[in-house]
Amino acid sequence: MKRSGDSERKKKRKRQKLLQELGGQRIPFLSPSDPGFQELWESSYTGLALRPADSLPAALHDRVRAALHALQRRGCLFRDLVRIRGRDVFTAVSRSLLGGPGDTYRYLGTRLFALPWHNDGQEDGEACCDRELREACRALWELNEYFCEDVERREAAGQPEEADEDPPGGQGSSKTDASEATPAPAPRFNITLLNYMDPAAMNDLKEEPYYGMGKMAVSWHHDENLVPLSPVAVYNYSCPDEKGGGSGDGEVDGASWRVGLKVAWDIHTPGLALPLQSGDCYYMRDDLNRTHQHCVLAGGTARFSSTHRVAECSTGTLDYIQRRCQEALENLRTDPDTGTKTLHSLQPSTLQLSEEIHNEVEFEWLRQYWFQGRRCARFCSWWSKPMEQLEESWAQMESMTQLALAAAEDEGSAEDRRREVAETLLTALTDRQEQRQTWRDRCQSSLAQTLPPEEAPVNRPYWGEDDPPRPLPFDLTDIISRVESLLWRL
């Protein structure tokens, strides 16, 4: 959390410096009707490619749109309570994550837990959700597969921009020649983050501050937690208004949703504002997400987007955290006859590893999951059993911490060993106490109290004096004092 806070402070300083340099003036930006739009796209935004709606199969459009409406109707999209600059705020956008079983995605200090794609022919009796939701998830998987194959085909051909991807009003860039060395296959999208935005329900939309582009539904940002240089694919669906119009299936008009792009922290290059018809898709390729920022400019009707990403998941899957738990628990020995638990090793490196995993399970998985209330289990039970198993592993690690504490306080052991154990414990316990306090405060915040019971944050794991005993108390203040006193004496 501290690293995230430092990053946000740096961004804030950059924004303030940029606005000071502008001195109240606006940077120019271009739209398709402006002279020079095509040249600007080709010279400064070559990583952006447009896929007009009519380039996708009509049947796929139908399945995806039905899926988006089904997920919204069933209450599967939520405004997340995220952490920005040290305080909790609700996202203006309602979201849901889909991906492979056990996948997660982390943004703004929040870990989202994916609804599984349901692309494996799962039988009804084994299902974690009902048929309607399975079919909706599968439709988004089909869109994901389409994007994977489309990006891979264009990368392999060395022709990322074809006629149907050209900037409006001109020919696309042909900077890549098929005769050049064949690039490595594009990474495959492994998740999609669904977004729903209704400008009528989004109070106090901020004006875009640098270019005067209009109201922003999503402010300037880079997408987080992605494999470096991996592409992002976005499907745009503008809902029909109550009168049956405004779907964006006809000509682009002033009520259209737009994606804005700019060179990051640059006040000299004009910005780009690209209107989107319903069903249009766009790709951000190469290093565009790193070197540029993008925002979403509000249109006149509600809008869904399905944003397909190559998430950096080396530490973000259920398989990963289960392996970590197993690694930590290898240091715990249980006597098969008496059930007595002991530690195999008191080496500082071994203890430090198990305590780091202990904190990772508690704060990156258990508390992240329960901070989002019971919303996952409302419509899909996939995560219920894995989280129970992770909590069981975490409880074993609480026992391991208690055993290490007993070893540090064992006056019959060598003082050097006791000191090493105590120093290792003090660092881990201090961090644990601080994070528990932070999560408890977040669960009790005024914003958290506004959520309905099934979505309200749950401070779990939590136990008090009246609960069944655990190896250590929830509040570690006294334990930390004991360890500090021990180190002072040693």
Protein backbone atom coordinates (compact mmCIF):
# COMPACT_ATOMS: atom_id res chain seq x y z
CA MET A 1 0.00 0.00 0.00
CA LYS A 2 2.89 2.34 0.71
CA ARG A 3 4.37 1.82 -2.77
CA SER A 4 0.98 2.54 -4.32
CA GLY A 5 0.68 5.73 -2.27
CA ASP A 6 4.15 6.88 -3.36
CA SER A 7 3.23 6.31 -6.99
CA GLU A 8 0.04 8.32 -6.65
CA ARG A 9 1.91 11.21 -5.05
CA LYS A 10 4.41 11.27 -7.93
CA LYS A 11 1.55 11.35 -10.44
CA LYS A 12 -0.10 14.19 -8.55
CA ARG A 13 3.12 16.22 -8.64
CA LYS A 14 3.44 15.60 -12.37
CA ARG A 15 -0.16 16.73 -12.96
CA GLN A 16 0.39 19.89 -10.94
CA LYS A 17 3.62 20.68 -12.80
CA LEU A 18 1.92 20.13 -16.15
CA LEU A 19 -0.98 22.44 -15.29
CA GLN A 20 1.47 25.08 -14.05
CA GLU A 21 3.38 24.94 -17.34
CA LEU A 22 0.14 25.40 -19.26
CA GLY A 23 -0.78 28.46 -17.22
CA GLY A 24 -4.49 28.07 -17.92
CA GLN A 25 -4.05 27.52 -21.66
CA ARG A 26 -5.34 24.46 -23.54
CA ILE A 27 -3.30 22.03 -25.61
CA PRO A 28 -4.90 21.52 -29.04
CA PHE A 29 -6.53 18.20 -29.90
CA LEU A 30 -7.83 16.79 -33.17
CA SER A 31 -10.94 14.81 -34.11
CA PRO A 32 -11.61 13.05 -37.46
CA SER A 33 -13.23 16.17 -38.96
CA ASP A 34 -10.15 18.30 -38.25
CA PRO A 35 -7.42 18.88 -40.86
CA GLY A 36 -4.27 17.01 -39.94
CA PHE A 37 -6.05 14.30 -37.94
CA GLN A 38 -4.76 11.50 -40.16
CA GLU A 39 -1.19 12.80 -40.12
CA LEU A 40 -1.26 13.17 -36.32
CA TRP A 41 -2.53 9.60 -35.92
CA GLU A 42 0.19 8.22 -38.18
CA SER A 43 3.00 10.25 -36.65
CA SER A 44 2.23 10.19 -32.92
CA TYR A 45 -0.38 7.47 -32.27
CA THR A 46 0.72 4.58 -34.48
CA GLY A 47 0.00 2.05 -31.76
CA LEU A 48 -3.75 2.77 -32.03
CA ALA A 49 -5.79 0.71 -34.49
CA LEU A 50 -9.53 0.91 -35.13
CA ARG A 51 -11.73 -2.07 -36.00
CA PRO A 52 -15.10 -0.72 -37.22
CA ALA A 53 -18.22 -2.52 -36.06
CA ASP A 54 -18.97 -4.03 -39.47
CA SER A 55 -15.63 -5.87 -39.51
CA LEU A 56 -16.81 -8.21 -36.73
CA PRO A 57 -19.33 -11.01 -37.34
CA ALA A 58 -22.93 -9.90 -36.71
CA ALA A 59 -23.66 -13.05 -34.71
CA LEU A 60 -20.75 -12.30 -32.38
CA HIS A 61 -22.08 -8.77 -31.81
CA ASP A 62 -25.47 -10.25 -30.89
CA ARG A 63 -24.04 -12.76 -28.41
CA VAL A 64 -21.74 -10.22 -26.76
CA ARG A 65 -24.46 -7.58 -26.37
CA ALA A 66 -26.87 -10.13 -24.92
CA ALA A 67 -24.15 -11.24 -22.51
CA LEU A 68 -23.41 -7.68 -21.35
CA HIS A 69 -27.07 -6.99 -20.66
CA ALA A 70 -27.45 -10.34 -18.85
CA LEU A 71 -24.49 -9.65 -16.55
CA GLN A 72 -25.84 -6.21 -15.75
CA ARG A 73 -29.40 -7.47 -15.17
CA ARG A 74 -28.12 -10.15 -12.79
CA GLY A 75 -26.19 -7.60 -10.73
CA CYS A 76 -22.70 -8.80 -11.67
CA LEU A 77 -21.16 -5.35 -12.23
CA PHE A 78 -20.10 -3.26 -9.24
CA ARG A 79 -18.60 0.08 -8.40
CA ASP A 80 -15.38 -0.81 -6.61
CA LEU A 81 -14.27 0.85 -3.40
CA VAL A 82 -10.66 1.56 -4.34
CA ARG A 83 -7.71 3.29 -2.68
CA ILE A 84 -6.44 6.52 -4.28
CA ARG A 85 -3.91 8.80 -2.60
CA GLY A 86 -4.52 7.21 0.79
CA ARG A 87 -8.31 7.43 0.80
CA ASP A 88 -11.17 5.22 -0.33
CA VAL A 89 -13.36 6.30 -3.24
CA PHE A 90 -16.01 4.57 -5.32
CA THR A 91 -15.21 4.13 -8.97
CA ALA A 92 -17.62 6.01 -11.22
CA VAL A 93 -17.66 2.93 -13.44
CA SER A 94 -19.33 -0.39 -12.58
CA ARG A 95 -17.07 -3.36 -13.30
CA SER A 96 -16.69 -7.11 -13.40
CA LEU A 97 -13.73 -9.35 -14.26
CA LEU A 98 -13.85 -12.44 -16.46
CA GLY A 99 -10.95 -14.78 -17.11
CA GLY A 100 -9.54 -18.23 -16.62
CA PRO A 101 -10.54 -20.14 -13.47
CA GLY A 102 -8.50 -18.76 -10.58
CA ASP A 103 -7.36 -15.61 -12.37
CA THR A 104 -7.31 -12.21 -10.66
CA TYR A 105 -6.50 -8.65 -11.74
CA ARG A 106 -5.17 -5.90 -9.48
CA TYR A 107 -5.76 -2.19 -9.98
CA LEU A 108 -5.83 0.83 -7.64
CA GLY A 109 -4.98 -1.35 -4.66
CA THR A 110 -7.90 -3.70 -5.38
CA ARG A 111 -7.73 -7.35 -6.44
CA LEU A 112 -10.68 -8.47 -8.56
CA PHE A 113 -11.54 -12.17 -8.67
CA ALA A 114 -12.53 -13.42 -12.10
CA LEU A 115 -15.77 -15.07 -13.09
CA PRO A 116 -14.56 -18.10 -15.08
CA TRP A 117 -14.97 -18.04 -18.87
CA HIS A 118 -16.95 -21.31 -18.91
CA ASN A 119 -15.36 -22.42 -22.14
CA ASP A 120 -14.76 -26.02 -21.08
CA GLY A 121 -18.17 -27.62 -21.64
CA GLN A 122 -18.91 -27.76 -17.92
CA GLU A 123 -21.91 -29.93 -17.11
CA ASP A 124 -24.94 -28.46 -15.34
CA GLY A 125 -24.42 -30.63 -12.27
CA GLU A 126 -20.88 -29.29 -11.83
CA ALA A 127 -21.73 -25.67 -12.52
CA CYS A 128 -20.79 -22.85 -10.17
CA CYS A 129 -23.47 -20.60 -11.67
CA ASP A 130 -26.65 -20.99 -13.71
CA ARG A 131 -26.99 -21.44 -17.46
CA GLU A 132 -27.68 -17.78 -18.26
CA LEU A 133 -24.47 -16.62 -16.59
CA ARG A 134 -22.43 -19.46 -18.08
CA GLU A 135 -23.64 -18.54 -21.56
CA ALA A 136 -22.87 -14.86 -20.92
CA CYS A 137 -19.34 -15.67 -19.76
CA ARG A 138 -18.79 -17.95 -22.73
CA ALA A 139 -19.86 -15.19 -25.16
CA LEU A 140 -17.17 -12.91 -23.71
CA TRP A 141 -14.68 -15.77 -24.07
CA GLU A 142 -15.64 -16.04 -27.76
CA LEU A 143 -14.95 -12.31 -28.16
CA ASN A 144 -11.63 -12.79 -26.38
CA GLU A 145 -10.70 -15.60 -28.76
CA TYR A 146 -11.63 -13.42 -31.73
CA PHE A 147 -9.34 -10.65 -30.49
CA CYS A 148 -6.49 -13.09 -29.78
CA GLU A 149 -6.69 -14.57 -33.27
CA ASP A 150 -7.11 -11.18 -34.94
CA VAL A 151 -4.08 -9.64 -33.22
CA GLU A 152 -1.97 -12.75 -33.80
CA ARG A 153 -2.94 -12.86 -37.48
CA ARG A 154 -1.99 -9.23 -38.06
CA GLU A 155 1.26 -9.48 -36.12
CA ALA A 156 2.24 -12.63 -38.00
CA ALA A 157 1.48 -10.97 -41.35
CA GLY A 158 3.45 -7.89 -40.40
CA GLN A 159 0.43 -5.82 -41.42
CA PRO A 160 -1.20 -4.59 -38.22
CA GLU A 161 -3.34 -2.06 -40.07
CA GLU A 162 -5.60 -3.06 -42.95
CA ALA A 163 -8.14 -1.04 -44.86
CA ASP A 164 -10.83 -1.59 -42.24
CA GLU A 165 -8.47 -0.28 -39.54
CA ASP A 166 -7.47 3.00 -41.21
CA PRO A 167 -7.91 6.34 -39.49
CA PRO A 168 -11.17 7.89 -40.69
CA GLY A 169 -10.65 9.98 -43.78
CA GLY A 170 -7.40 8.48 -45.06
CA GLN A 171 -5.08 5.55 -45.61
CA GLY A 172 -3.51 3.81 -42.62
CA SER A 173 0.15 3.65 -41.79
CA SER A 174 2.19 1.00 -43.61
CA LYS A 175 5.34 1.38 -41.55
CA THR A 176 5.69 -2.39 -41.08
CA ASP A 177 6.75 -4.40 -44.13
CA ALA A 178 5.87 -8.09 -44.47
CA SER A 179 9.41 -8.77 -45.69
CA GLU A 180 10.88 -7.75 -42.36
CA ALA A 181 11.72 -10.32 -39.70
CA THR A 182 8.61 -11.98 -38.34
CA PRO A 183 7.89 -10.65 -34.83
CA ALA A 184 7.25 -12.93 -31.90
CA PRO A 185 3.60 -14.02 -31.55
CA ALA A 186 1.47 -11.50 -29.67
CA PRO A 187 0.68 -12.55 -26.09
CA ARG A 188 -2.87 -13.88 -25.79
CA PHE A 189 -5.44 -11.93 -23.81
CA ASN A 190 -6.15 -13.77 -20.57
CA ILE A 191 -8.78 -11.53 -18.91
CA THR A 192 -11.38 -8.95 -19.75
CA LEU A 193 -12.41 -6.14 -17.46
CA LEU A 194 -16.04 -5.22 -18.20
CA ASN A 195 -17.13 -1.63 -17.63
CA TYR A 196 -20.58 -0.07 -17.53
CA MET A 197 -20.97 3.71 -17.58
CA ASP A 198 -24.22 5.67 -17.50
CA PRO A 199 -23.56 9.41 -17.77
CA ALA A 200 -27.04 10.19 -16.42
CA ALA A 201 -26.13 8.43 -13.16
CA MET A 202 -22.53 9.64 -12.91
CA ASN A 203 -22.66 12.80 -10.83
CA ASP A 204 -20.05 15.53 -11.12
CA LEU A 205 -18.20 14.25 -14.18
CA LYS A 206 -14.95 16.19 -14.39
CA GLU A 207 -13.99 18.31 -17.34
CA GLU A 208 -10.92 17.08 -19.20
CA PRO A 209 -8.26 19.50 -17.84
CA TYR A 210 -5.55 19.76 -20.52
CA TYR A 211 -7.31 19.89 -23.91
CA GLY A 212 -10.91 20.86 -23.17
CA MET A 213 -12.20 17.62 -24.69
CA GLY A 214 -15.37 17.58 -22.55
CA LYS A 215 -16.66 15.48 -19.67
CA MET A 216 -14.58 12.47 -18.68
CA ALA A 217 -16.17 9.21 -17.55
CA VAL A 218 -12.66 7.80 -16.93
CA SER A 219 -9.76 10.19 -16.39
CA TRP A 220 -6.29 9.97 -17.94
CA HIS A 221 -4.43 6.79 -17.07
CA HIS A 222 -2.23 3.92 -18.17
CA ASP A 223 -3.75 0.44 -17.80
CA GLU A 224 -2.08 -1.31 -14.86
CA ASN A 225 -0.64 -4.75 -14.17
CA LEU A 226 -0.06 -5.76 -17.80
CA VAL A 227 2.69 -7.77 -19.48
CA PRO A 228 5.10 -5.14 -20.90
CA LEU A 229 4.44 -4.24 -24.56
CA SER A 230 1.31 -6.40 -24.64
CA PRO A 231 -1.73 -5.16 -26.58
CA VAL A 232 -5.10 -4.11 -25.18
CA ALA A 233 -8.32 -4.71 -27.15
CA VAL A 234 -11.52 -2.80 -26.36
CA TYR A 235 -15.07 -3.56 -27.50
CA ASN A 236 -17.41 -0.56 -27.35
CA TYR A 237 -21.18 -0.92 -27.05
CA SER A 238 -23.32 2.22 -26.72
CA CYS A 239 -26.79 1.32 -25.48
CA PRO A 240 -29.91 2.56 -27.29
CA ASP A 241 -31.66 5.37 -25.46
CA GLU A 242 -35.24 5.09 -24.18
CA LYS A 243 -36.57 6.32 -27.53
CA GLY A 244 -34.82 3.51 -29.35
CA GLY A 245 -32.07 5.70 -30.82
CA GLY A 246 -28.58 6.65 -29.81
CA SER A 247 -27.15 3.16 -30.28
CA GLY A 248 -24.37 4.52 -32.43
CA ASP A 249 -25.17 2.05 -35.23
CA GLY A 250 -25.51 4.97 -37.67
CA GLU A 251 -23.31 7.98 -38.20
CA VAL A 252 -21.11 9.23 -35.39
CA ASP A 253 -22.61 12.35 -33.81
CA GLY A 254 -21.91 14.74 -30.99
CA ALA A 255 -23.42 12.34 -28.44
CA SER A 256 -20.92 9.56 -29.23
CA TRP A 257 -18.55 8.14 -26.69
CA ARG A 258 -14.93 8.92 -27.48
CA VAL A 259 -11.56 7.65 -26.42
CA GLY A 260 -9.00 10.38 -25.85
CA LEU A 261 -5.27 9.81 -26.19
CA LYS A 262 -2.24 11.91 -25.38
CA VAL A 263 1.49 11.49 -25.14
CA ALA A 264 2.16 11.06 -21.43
CA TRP A 265 3.23 14.27 -19.65
CA ASP A 266 3.68 16.10 -22.98
CA ILE A 267 2.26 19.60 -23.60
CA HIS A 268 3.54 19.95 -27.18
CA THR A 269 1.95 17.06 -29.10
CA PRO A 270 -1.77 17.58 -29.85
CA GLY A 271 -4.18 15.11 -28.33
CA LEU A 272 -6.42 12.74 -30.26
CA ALA A 273 -10.17 12.25 -29.69
CA LEU A 274 -11.62 9.25 -31.52
CA PRO A 275 -15.43 8.87 -31.65
CA LEU A 276 -16.74 5.31 -31.31
CA GLN A 277 -19.82 3.82 -32.88
CA SER A 278 -21.55 0.97 -31.11
CA GLY A 279 -19.70 -2.24 -31.90
CA ASP A 280 -16.44 -0.47 -32.82
CA CYS A 281 -13.29 -1.97 -31.36
CA TYR A 282 -9.83 -0.54 -30.99
CA TYR A 283 -6.42 -1.92 -30.17
CA MET A 284 -3.63 -0.26 -28.22
CA ARG A 285 -0.48 -2.03 -29.37
CA ASP A 286 3.29 -1.99 -29.00
CA ASP A 287 4.32 0.45 -26.25
CA LEU A 288 1.30 2.78 -26.60
CA ASN A 289 -0.01 2.01 -23.11
CA ARG A 290 3.41 2.84 -21.62
CA THR A 291 4.25 5.99 -23.58
CA HIS A 292 0.72 7.39 -23.87
CA GLN A 293 -2.28 7.86 -21.61
CA HIS A 294 -5.92 7.47 -22.52
CA CYS A 295 -9.24 8.62 -21.11
CA VAL A 296 -12.90 7.92 -21.85
CA LEU A 297 -15.04 10.92 -22.81
CA ALA A 298 -18.71 10.58 -21.91
CA GLY A 299 -21.34 10.16 -24.59
CA GLY A 300 -25.07 10.72 -24.49
CA THR A 301 -26.27 7.20 -23.57
CA ALA A 302 -25.11 4.36 -21.35
CA ARG A 303 -22.10 2.39 -22.56
CA PHE A 304 -20.48 -1.00 -21.99
CA SER A 305 -16.87 -1.79 -22.80
CA SER A 306 -15.07 -5.10 -22.69
CA THR A 307 -11.36 -4.41 -22.24
CA HIS A 308 -9.23 -7.44 -23.03
CA ARG A 309 -5.75 -7.52 -21.51
CA VAL A 310 -2.66 -9.65 -21.05
CA ALA A 311 -2.53 -9.39 -17.28
CA GLU A 312 0.81 -9.89 -15.55
CA CYS A 313 -0.35 -12.89 -13.53
CA SER A 314 2.87 -14.39 -12.15
CA THR A 315 1.62 -13.55 -8.63
CA GLY A 316 -2.08 -13.23 -9.41
CA THR A 317 -3.52 -16.70 -9.85
CA LEU A 318 -4.99 -19.18 -7.40
CA ASP A 319 -2.37 -21.74 -8.45
CA TYR A 320 0.38 -19.29 -7.52
CA ILE A 321 -0.89 -18.53 -4.02
CA GLN A 322 -1.62 -22.21 -3.35
CA ARG A 323 1.99 -23.05 -4.25
CA ARG A 324 3.16 -20.29 -1.92
CA CYS A 325 1.06 -21.71 0.91
CA GLN A 326 2.52 -25.15 0.33
CA GLU A 327 6.02 -23.66 0.39
CA ALA A 328 5.41 -21.99 3.75
CA LEU A 329 3.72 -25.02 5.32
CA GLU A 330 6.67 -27.26 4.45
CA ASN A 331 8.31 -25.85 7.60
CA LEU A 332 5.45 -27.11 9.79
CA ARG A 333 5.66 -30.63 11.23
CA THR A 334 2.69 -32.35 12.88
CA ASP A 335 3.27 -35.44 15.02
CA PRO A 336 0.96 -38.15 13.61
CA ASP A 337 0.37 -39.67 17.05
CA THR A 338 -0.11 -36.63 19.29
CA GLY A 339 -0.98 -33.90 16.77
CA THR A 340 1.72 -31.70 18.30
CA LYS A 341 3.04 -29.08 15.91
CA THR A 342 6.69 -28.04 15.65
CA LEU A 343 8.83 -26.14 13.17
CA HIS A 344 11.44 -27.95 11.08
CA SER A 345 13.74 -24.93 10.97
CA LEU A 346 14.29 -21.69 12.84
CA GLN A 347 16.71 -20.30 10.28
CA PRO A 348 15.96 -16.58 9.75
CA SER A 349 15.61 -16.99 5.97
CA THR A 350 13.09 -19.81 6.42
CA LEU A 351 11.08 -17.89 9.01
CA GLN A 352 11.16 -14.72 6.94
CA LEU A 353 9.81 -16.57 3.91
CA SER A 354 6.94 -18.17 5.82
CA GLU A 355 6.00 -14.87 7.50
CA GLU A 356 6.05 -13.04 4.14
CA ILE A 357 3.74 -15.67 2.67
CA HIS A 358 1.57 -15.44 5.79
CA ASN A 359 1.09 -11.69 5.18
CA GLU A 360 0.61 -12.18 1.44
CA VAL A 361 -2.22 -14.68 1.95
CA GLU A 362 -3.94 -12.50 4.52
CA PHE A 363 -3.69 -9.11 2.83
CA GLU A 364 -3.47 -9.86 -0.88
CA TRP A 365 -6.09 -12.62 -0.94
CA LEU A 366 -8.30 -13.14 2.12
CA ARG A 367 -8.87 -9.51 3.05
CA GLN A 368 -9.07 -8.41 -0.60
CA TYR A 369 -11.76 -11.03 -1.22
CA TRP A 370 -13.84 -10.28 1.88
CA PHE A 371 -13.49 -6.52 1.51
CA GLN A 372 -15.73 -6.95 -1.53
CA GLY A 373 -18.37 -8.50 0.68
CA ARG A 374 -20.29 -11.56 -0.42
CA ARG A 375 -20.87 -10.28 -3.91
CA CYS A 376 -18.93 -13.03 -5.70
CA ALA A 377 -20.87 -15.83 -4.03
CA ARG A 378 -24.22 -14.18 -4.84
CA PHE A 379 -24.13 -15.39 -8.43
CA CYS A 380 -21.10 -17.68 -8.72
CA SER A 381 -19.72 -20.13 -6.17
CA TRP A 382 -16.41 -20.81 -7.93
CA TRP A 383 -14.24 -18.92 -5.41
CA SER A 384 -16.00 -20.14 -2.24
CA LYS A 385 -14.11 -23.40 -1.71
CA PRO A 386 -10.66 -22.03 -2.70
CA MET A 387 -11.01 -19.15 -0.25
CA GLU A 388 -11.98 -21.58 2.53
CA GLN A 389 -8.83 -23.58 1.76
CA LEU A 390 -6.66 -20.46 1.75
CA GLU A 391 -8.08 -19.48 5.13
CA GLU A 392 -7.25 -22.93 6.48
CA SER A 393 -3.66 -22.54 5.27
CA TRP A 394 -3.51 -19.08 6.81
CA ALA A 395 -4.70 -20.50 10.17
CA GLN A 396 -1.83 -23.02 10.04
CA MET A 397 0.57 -20.12 9.48
CA GLU A 398 -0.82 -18.39 12.58
CA SER A 399 0.27 -21.51 14.48
CA MET A 400 3.70 -21.28 12.88
CA THR A 401 4.08 -17.69 14.06
CA GLN A 402 3.10 -18.72 17.58
CA LEU A 403 5.70 -21.52 17.51
CA ALA A 404 8.40 -19.11 16.37
CA LEU A 405 7.41 -16.69 19.14
CA ALA A 406 7.70 -19.50 21.71
CA ALA A 407 11.18 -20.32 20.37
CA ALA A 408 12.24 -16.68 20.72
CA GLU A 409 11.04 -16.62 24.33
CA ASP A 410 12.60 -19.99 25.25
CA GLU A 411 15.23 -19.06 27.83
CA GLY A 412 16.87 -22.46 27.40
CA SER A 413 17.94 -21.67 23.83
CA ALA A 414 21.02 -19.84 22.65
CA GLU A 415 20.70 -16.07 22.81
CA ASP A 416 21.96 -15.52 19.27
CA ARG A 417 19.29 -17.82 17.85
CA ARG A 418 16.59 -16.22 19.98
CA ARG A 419 17.65 -12.75 18.82
CA GLU A 420 17.56 -13.78 15.14
CA VAL A 421 14.08 -15.25 15.49
CA ALA A 422 12.80 -12.24 17.42
CA GLU A 423 14.16 -9.76 14.87
CA THR A 424 12.53 -11.68 12.02
CA LEU A 425 9.20 -11.81 13.87
CA LEU A 426 9.24 -8.15 14.84
CA THR A 427 9.40 -6.98 11.21
CA ALA A 428 6.59 -9.32 10.08
CA LEU A 429 4.34 -8.65 13.09
CA THR A 430 4.70 -4.87 12.85
CA ASP A 431 3.73 -4.95 9.19
CA ARG A 432 0.82 -7.29 9.97
CA GLN A 433 -0.51 -5.07 12.74
CA GLU A 434 -0.36 -1.94 10.56
CA GLN A 435 -2.12 -3.62 7.66
CA ARG A 436 -4.82 -5.13 9.87
CA GLN A 437 -5.57 -1.70 11.26
CA THR A 438 -5.76 -0.23 7.77
CA TRP A 439 -8.15 -2.91 6.52
CA ARG A 440 -10.30 -2.66 9.67
CA ASP A 441 -10.56 1.11 9.20
CA ARG A 442 -11.50 0.65 5.55
CA CYS A 443 -14.24 -1.81 6.48
CA GLN A 444 -15.66 0.70 8.96
CA SER A 445 -15.39 3.78 6.75
CA SER A 446 -18.40 5.97 6.05
CA LEU A 447 -18.40 4.96 2.39
CA ALA A 448 -18.32 1.25 3.25
CA GLN A 449 -21.36 1.73 5.48
CA THR A 450 -23.42 2.95 2.51
CA LEU A 451 -23.22 -0.41 0.73
CA PRO A 452 -26.03 -2.99 0.93
CA PRO A 453 -25.35 -5.93 3.28
CA GLU A 454 -24.36 -8.38 0.55
CA GLU A 455 -21.77 -5.94 -0.82
CA ALA A 456 -20.55 -4.40 2.44
CA PRO A 457 -16.89 -5.12 3.33
CA VAL A 458 -16.33 -7.93 5.82
CA ASN A 459 -13.38 -7.64 8.22
CA ARG A 460 -12.24 -11.24 7.83
CA PRO A 461 -10.30 -12.97 9.26
CA TYR A 462 -11.29 -11.39 12.58
CA TRP A 463 -11.67 -12.81 16.08
CA GLY A 464 -12.19 -11.31 19.51
CA GLU A 465 -12.06 -12.46 23.11
CA ASP A 466 -15.49 -14.10 22.85
CA ASP A 467 -14.61 -16.07 19.73
CA PRO A 468 -13.03 -19.55 19.68
CA PRO A 469 -9.37 -19.23 20.68
CA ARG A 470 -6.65 -18.89 18.09
CA PRO A 471 -2.88 -19.22 18.51
CA LEU A 472 -2.43 -15.42 18.56
CA PRO A 473 -4.75 -12.45 19.15
CA PHE A 474 -6.08 -10.32 16.29
CA ASP A 475 -4.58 -7.20 17.88
CA LEU A 476 -0.84 -7.81 18.00
CA THR A 477 0.08 -4.76 20.11
CA ASP A 478 0.96 -6.77 23.21
CA ILE A 479 2.80 -9.43 21.21
CA ILE A 480 4.92 -6.78 19.48
CA SER A 481 5.72 -5.23 22.89
CA ARG A 482 6.82 -8.62 24.17
CA VAL A 483 9.17 -9.10 21.21
CA GLU A 484 10.58 -5.57 21.54
CA SER A 485 11.17 -6.11 25.26
CA LEU A 486 12.85 -9.44 24.53
CA LEU A 487 15.22 -7.84 22.03
CA TRP A 488 16.05 -5.10 24.52
CA ARG A 489 17.00 -7.70 27.14
CA LEU A 490 19.02 -9.79 24.70
